[in-house]
Amino acid sequence: MTVSLYYVQKLLYQLNRDPTVRKRFDSGRGELLDEYELTDDERTALKSGDVGLLYVMGVNGQLLMHYAALLGQPWDVYISAMREGVRKHGPVRAGLYSMRKDGKR
């Protein structure tokens, strides 16, 4: 897991657990993201709510599930977003869900 992936997952965990972080995310997403060591792609995915790209980057599915719910995405949309992420961005690159080049685990 890369260092920045750690910060993405830390942020998503805090969004799920801390109402103050959640309020800051809603009111000033960019300012909150500045406090974390993120790549440009991670920042863009978090700002836009791109669950599929976050999944491909290696973000844990449990954290993503709560993030998708925070964004108002129903379960089927969340699952579709992960599948679309793999289709659009390629196999999962890191973490628990990483895939081999042939798309298998």
C-alpha atoms as a PDB file:
ATOM      1  CA  MET A   1       0.000   0.000   0.000  1.00  0.00           C
ATOM      2  CA  THR A   2       1.397   3.389  -0.905  1.00  0.00           C
ATOM      3  CA  VAL A   3       1.669   6.122   1.681  1.00  0.00           C
ATOM      4  CA  SER A   4      -0.971   8.274  -0.005  1.00  0.00           C
ATOM      5  CA  LEU A   5      -3.412   5.335  -0.134  1.00  0.00           C
ATOM      6  CA  TYR A   6      -3.074   5.224   3.639  1.00  0.00           C
ATOM      7  CA  TYR A   7      -4.209   8.857   3.809  1.00  0.00           C
ATOM      8  CA  VAL A   8      -7.177   8.241   1.511  1.00  0.00           C
ATOM      9  CA  GLN A   9      -8.299   5.398   3.737  1.00  0.00           C
ATOM     10  CA  LYS A  10      -7.643   7.435   6.881  1.00  0.00           C
ATOM     11  CA  LEU A  11      -9.825  10.238   5.523  1.00  0.00           C
ATOM     12  CA  LEU A  12     -12.625   7.831   4.579  1.00  0.00           C
ATOM     13  CA  TYR A  13     -12.452   6.234   8.028  1.00  0.00           C
ATOM     14  CA  GLN A  14     -12.656   9.648   9.674  1.00  0.00           C
ATOM     15  CA  LEU A  15     -15.579  10.653   7.444  1.00  0.00           C
ATOM     16  CA  ASN A  16     -17.409   7.575   8.695  1.00  0.00           C
ATOM     17  CA  ARG A  17     -16.582   8.153  12.375  1.00  0.00           C
ATOM     18  CA  ASP A  18     -16.242  11.879  12.997  1.00  0.00           C
ATOM     19  CA  PRO A  19     -19.205  14.238  12.429  1.00  0.00           C
ATOM     20  CA  THR A  20     -16.860  17.256  12.436  1.00  0.00           C
ATOM     21  CA  VAL A  21     -14.793  15.834   9.566  1.00  0.00           C
ATOM     22  CA  ARG A  22     -18.012  15.017   7.707  1.00  0.00           C
ATOM     23  CA  LYS A  23     -19.263  18.608   8.084  1.00  0.00           C
ATOM     24  CA  ARG A  24     -15.935  19.948   6.855  1.00  0.00           C
ATOM     25  CA  PHE A  25     -16.094  17.584   3.874  1.00  0.00           C
ATOM     26  CA  ASP A  26     -19.545  18.887   2.994  1.00  0.00           C
ATOM     27  CA  SER A  27     -18.706  22.555   3.431  1.00  0.00           C
ATOM     28  CA  GLY A  28     -15.087  22.776   2.257  1.00  0.00           C
ATOM     29  CA  ARG A  29     -13.970  19.559   0.632  1.00  0.00           C
ATOM     30  CA  GLY A  30     -10.871  21.049  -0.981  1.00  0.00           C
ATOM     31  CA  GLU A  31      -9.611  22.577   2.263  1.00  0.00           C
ATOM     32  CA  LEU A  32     -10.078  19.284   4.108  1.00  0.00           C
ATOM     33  CA  LEU A  33      -8.276  17.337   1.379  1.00  0.00           C
ATOM     34  CA  ASP A  34      -5.326  19.747   1.649  1.00  0.00           C
ATOM     35  CA  GLU A  35      -4.638  18.293   5.102  1.00  0.00           C
ATOM     36  CA  TYR A  36      -3.889  14.838   3.670  1.00  0.00           C
ATOM     37  CA  GLU A  37      -0.935  13.699   1.566  1.00  0.00           C
ATOM     38  CA  LEU A  38      -2.833  12.759  -1.592  1.00  0.00           C
ATOM     39  CA  THR A  39      -1.905  12.307  -5.220  1.00  0.00           C
ATOM     40  CA  ASP A  40      -3.719  14.415  -7.800  1.00  0.00           C
ATOM     41  CA  ASP A  41      -5.724  11.341  -8.898  1.00  0.00           C
ATOM     42  CA  GLU A  42      -6.779  10.559  -5.325  1.00  0.00           C
ATOM     43  CA  ARG A  43      -7.768  14.159  -4.744  1.00  0.00           C
ATOM     44  CA  THR A  44      -9.806  14.267  -7.948  1.00  0.00           C
ATOM     45  CA  ALA A  45     -11.522  10.962  -7.153  1.00  0.00           C
ATOM     46  CA  LEU A  46     -12.424  12.120  -3.635  1.00  0.00           C
ATOM     47  CA  LYS A  47     -13.677  15.511  -4.812  1.00  0.00           C
ATOM     48  CA  SER A  48     -15.832  13.987  -7.540  1.00  0.00           C
ATOM     49  CA  GLY A  49     -16.984  10.932  -5.602  1.00  0.00           C
ATOM     50  CA  ASP A  50     -15.434   8.508  -8.116  1.00  0.00           C
ATOM     51  CA  VAL A  51     -15.868   5.280  -6.143  1.00  0.00           C
ATOM     52  CA  GLY A  52     -14.704   3.184  -9.096  1.00  0.00           C
ATOM     53  CA  LEU A  53     -11.362   4.949  -9.381  1.00  0.00           C
ATOM     54  CA  LEU A  54     -10.836   4.796  -5.614  1.00  0.00           C
ATOM     55  CA  TYR A  55     -11.543   1.063  -5.738  1.00  0.00           C
ATOM     56  CA  VAL A  56      -9.017   0.543  -8.546  1.00  0.00           C
ATOM     57  CA  MET A  57      -6.463   2.537  -6.535  1.00  0.00           C
ATOM     58  CA  GLY A  58      -6.822  -0.064  -3.793  1.00  0.00           C
ATOM     59  CA  VAL A  59      -9.122   1.583  -1.252  1.00  0.00           C
ATOM     60  CA  ASN A  60     -10.720  -0.958   1.063  1.00  0.00           C
ATOM     61  CA  GLY A  61     -14.267  -1.898   0.034  1.00  0.00           C
ATOM     62  CA  GLN A  62     -15.650  -1.518   3.558  1.00  0.00           C
ATOM     63  CA  LEU A  63     -14.465   2.087   3.672  1.00  0.00           C
ATOM     64  CA  LEU A  64     -15.746   2.693   0.153  1.00  0.00           C
ATOM     65  CA  MET A  65     -19.150   1.270   1.048  1.00  0.00           C
ATOM     66  CA  HIS A  66     -19.573   3.890   3.776  1.00  0.00           C
ATOM     67  CA  TYR A  67     -18.229   6.632   1.513  1.00  0.00           C
ATOM     68  CA  ALA A  68     -20.712   5.676  -1.219  1.00  0.00           C
ATOM     69  CA  ALA A  69     -23.532   5.797   1.345  1.00  0.00           C
ATOM     70  CA  LEU A  70     -22.319   9.230   2.494  1.00  0.00           C
ATOM     71  CA  LEU A  71     -22.528  10.358  -1.138  1.00  0.00           C
ATOM     72  CA  GLY A  72     -26.080   8.990  -1.324  1.00  0.00           C
ATOM     73  CA  GLN A  73     -25.261   6.103  -3.656  1.00  0.00           C
ATOM     74  CA  PRO A  74     -27.541   3.074  -3.294  1.00  0.00           C
ATOM     75  CA  TRP A  75     -25.909  -0.359  -2.975  1.00  0.00           C
ATOM     76  CA  ASP A  76     -26.391  -1.297  -6.638  1.00  0.00           C
ATOM     77  CA  VAL A  77     -24.826   1.974  -7.788  1.00  0.00           C
ATOM     78  CA  TYR A  78     -21.855   1.370  -5.479  1.00  0.00           C
ATOM     79  CA  ILE A  79     -21.303  -2.149  -6.878  1.00  0.00           C
ATOM     80  CA  SER A  80     -21.679  -0.888 -10.455  1.00  0.00           C
ATOM     81  CA  ALA A  81     -19.196   1.916  -9.779  1.00  0.00           C
ATOM     82  CA  MET A  82     -16.550  -0.584  -8.694  1.00  0.00           C
ATOM     83  CA  ARG A  83     -17.117  -2.718 -11.798  1.00  0.00           C
ATOM     84  CA  GLU A  84     -17.035   0.370 -14.002  1.00  0.00           C
ATOM     85  CA  GLY A  85     -13.822   1.473 -12.297  1.00  0.00           C
ATOM     86  CA  VAL A  86     -12.111  -1.781 -13.305  1.00  0.00           C
ATOM     87  CA  ARG A  87     -13.491  -1.527 -16.837  1.00  0.00           C
ATOM     88  CA  LYS A  88     -12.422   2.095 -17.238  1.00  0.00           C
ATOM     89  CA  HIS A  89      -9.165   2.251 -15.233  1.00  0.00           C
ATOM     90  CA  GLY A  90      -7.895  -1.343 -15.305  1.00  0.00           C
ATOM     91  CA  PRO A  91      -7.316  -3.901 -12.572  1.00  0.00           C
ATOM     92  CA  VAL A  92      -7.159  -2.980  -8.908  1.00  0.00           C
ATOM     93  CA  ARG A  93      -3.608  -1.760  -8.363  1.00  0.00           C
ATOM     94  CA  ALA A  94      -2.999  -2.259  -4.654  1.00  0.00           C
ATOM     95  CA  GLY A  95      -4.424  -3.451  -1.401  1.00  0.00           C
ATOM     96  CA  LEU A  96      -6.600  -6.389  -0.472  1.00  0.00           C
ATOM     97  CA  TYR A  97      -8.476  -6.415  -3.793  1.00  0.00           C
ATOM     98  CA  SER A  98      -5.462  -6.186  -6.105  1.00  0.00           C
ATOM     99  CA  MET A  99      -5.854  -8.180  -9.322  1.00  0.00           C
ATOM    100  CA  ARG A 100      -3.424  -9.953 -11.580  1.00  0.00           C
ATOM    101  CA  LYS A 101      -2.944  -8.580 -15.067  1.00  0.00           C
ATOM    102  CA  ASP A 102      -5.362 -11.169 -16.469  1.00  0.00           C
ATOM    103  CA  GLY A 103      -8.136  -9.754 -14.242  1.00  0.00           C
ATOM    104  CA  LYS A 104      -8.186 -12.720 -11.859  1.00  0.00           C
ATOM    105  CA  ARG A 105      -7.384 -12.676  -8.176  1.00  0.00           C
END
